């Protein structure tokens, strides 16, 4: 993982010419969903997956 989802959205700030509330919502929503719904989207997801793997095997 190169950078977490929330800091990635904040790094995109300079690429958006005139960010408004709608633009931030359009960036933050998929970022949050990706962080919560994918294994690699969050370090916490990786920790839980490793613990499950250790406990099951």
C-alpha atoms as a PDB file:
ATOM      1  CA  UNK A   1       0.000   0.000   0.000  1.00  0.00           C
ATOM      2  CA  UNK A   2       1.526   3.317  -1.053  1.00  0.00           C
ATOM      3  CA  UNK A   3      -0.729   5.764   0.772  1.00  0.00           C
ATOM      4  CA  UNK A   4      -3.913   5.397   2.768  1.00  0.00           C
ATOM      5  CA  UNK A   5      -7.248   6.346   1.230  1.00  0.00           C
ATOM      6  CA  UNK A   6      -7.935   9.519   3.247  1.00  0.00           C
ATOM      7  CA  UNK A   7      -4.485  11.094   2.765  1.00  0.00           C
ATOM      8  CA  UNK A   8      -4.760  10.204  -0.927  1.00  0.00           C
ATOM      9  CA  UNK A   9      -7.927  12.285  -1.194  1.00  0.00           C
ATOM     10  CA  UNK A  10      -6.215  15.169   0.596  1.00  0.00           C
ATOM     11  CA  UNK A  11      -3.264  14.927  -1.796  1.00  0.00           C
ATOM     12  CA  UNK A  12      -5.662  15.350  -4.715  1.00  0.00           C
ATOM     13  CA  UNK A  13      -6.608  18.796  -3.391  1.00  0.00           C
ATOM     14  CA  UNK A  14      -4.109  20.625  -5.596  1.00  0.00           C
ATOM     15  CA  UNK A  15      -5.375  18.808  -8.716  1.00  0.00           C
ATOM     16  CA  UNK A  16      -8.890  20.187  -8.343  1.00  0.00           C
ATOM     17  CA  UNK A  17      -9.231  23.711  -9.677  1.00  0.00           C
ATOM     18  CA  UNK A  18     -12.262  24.866  -7.644  1.00  0.00           C
ATOM     19  CA  UNK A  19     -13.199  22.249  -5.046  1.00  0.00           C
ATOM     20  CA  UNK A  20     -16.673  22.641  -3.621  1.00  0.00           C
ATOM     21  CA  UNK A  21     -18.706  20.522  -1.201  1.00  0.00           C
ATOM     22  CA  UNK A  22     -20.068  18.244  -3.940  1.00  0.00           C
ATOM     23  CA  UNK A  23     -16.592  17.571  -5.341  1.00  0.00           C
ATOM     24  CA  UNK A  24     -15.265  16.615  -1.914  1.00  0.00           C
ATOM     25  CA  UNK A  25     -18.233  14.304  -1.349  1.00  0.00           C
ATOM     26  CA  UNK A  26     -17.614  12.655  -4.715  1.00  0.00           C
ATOM     27  CA  UNK A  27     -13.992  12.044  -3.740  1.00  0.00           C
ATOM     28  CA  UNK A  28     -14.565  11.075  -0.098  1.00  0.00           C
ATOM     29  CA  UNK A  29     -17.407   8.590  -0.631  1.00  0.00           C
ATOM     30  CA  UNK A  30     -15.577   6.126  -2.898  1.00  0.00           C
ATOM     31  CA  UNK A  31     -12.442   6.559  -0.799  1.00  0.00           C
ATOM     32  CA  UNK A  32     -14.326   5.582   2.347  1.00  0.00           C
ATOM     33  CA  UNK A  33     -16.060   2.673   0.656  1.00  0.00           C
ATOM     34  CA  UNK A  34     -12.789   1.399  -0.793  1.00  0.00           C
ATOM     35  CA  UNK A  35     -11.206   1.620   2.624  1.00  0.00           C
ATOM     36  CA  UNK A  36     -13.975  -0.324   4.293  1.00  0.00           C
ATOM     37  CA  UNK A  37     -14.958  -2.825   1.626  1.00  0.00           C
ATOM     38  CA  UNK A  38     -11.642  -3.988   0.235  1.00  0.00           C
ATOM     39  CA  UNK A  39      -8.904  -5.968   1.943  1.00  0.00           C
ATOM     40  CA  UNK A  40      -6.120  -3.639   0.829  1.00  0.00           C
ATOM     41  CA  UNK A  41      -8.071  -0.461   1.455  1.00  0.00           C
ATOM     42  CA  UNK A  42      -7.179  -0.255   5.134  1.00  0.00           C
ATOM     43  CA  UNK A  43      -4.389  -1.419   7.386  1.00  0.00           C
ATOM     44  CA  UNK A  44      -7.031  -2.452   9.923  1.00  0.00           C
ATOM     45  CA  UNK A  45      -8.542  -4.813   7.323  1.00  0.00           C
ATOM     46  CA  UNK A  46      -5.140  -6.426   6.808  1.00  0.00           C
ATOM     47  CA  UNK A  47      -4.656  -6.884  10.550  1.00  0.00           C
ATOM     48  CA  UNK A  48      -8.058  -8.552  10.923  1.00  0.00           C
ATOM     49  CA  UNK A  49      -7.427 -10.803   7.921  1.00  0.00           C
ATOM     50  CA  UNK A  50      -4.058 -11.862   9.347  1.00  0.00           C
ATOM     51  CA  UNK A  51      -5.593 -12.611  12.744  1.00  0.00           C
ATOM     52  CA  UNK A  52      -8.396 -14.626  11.141  1.00  0.00           C
ATOM     53  CA  UNK A  53      -5.890 -16.548   9.066  1.00  0.00           C
ATOM     54  CA  UNK A  54      -3.788 -17.302  12.141  1.00  0.00           C
ATOM     55  CA  UNK A  55      -6.807 -18.376  14.229  1.00  0.00           C
ATOM     56  CA  UNK A  56      -8.425 -20.539  11.540  1.00  0.00           C
ATOM     57  CA  UNK A  57      -5.318 -22.335  10.310  1.00  0.00           C
END
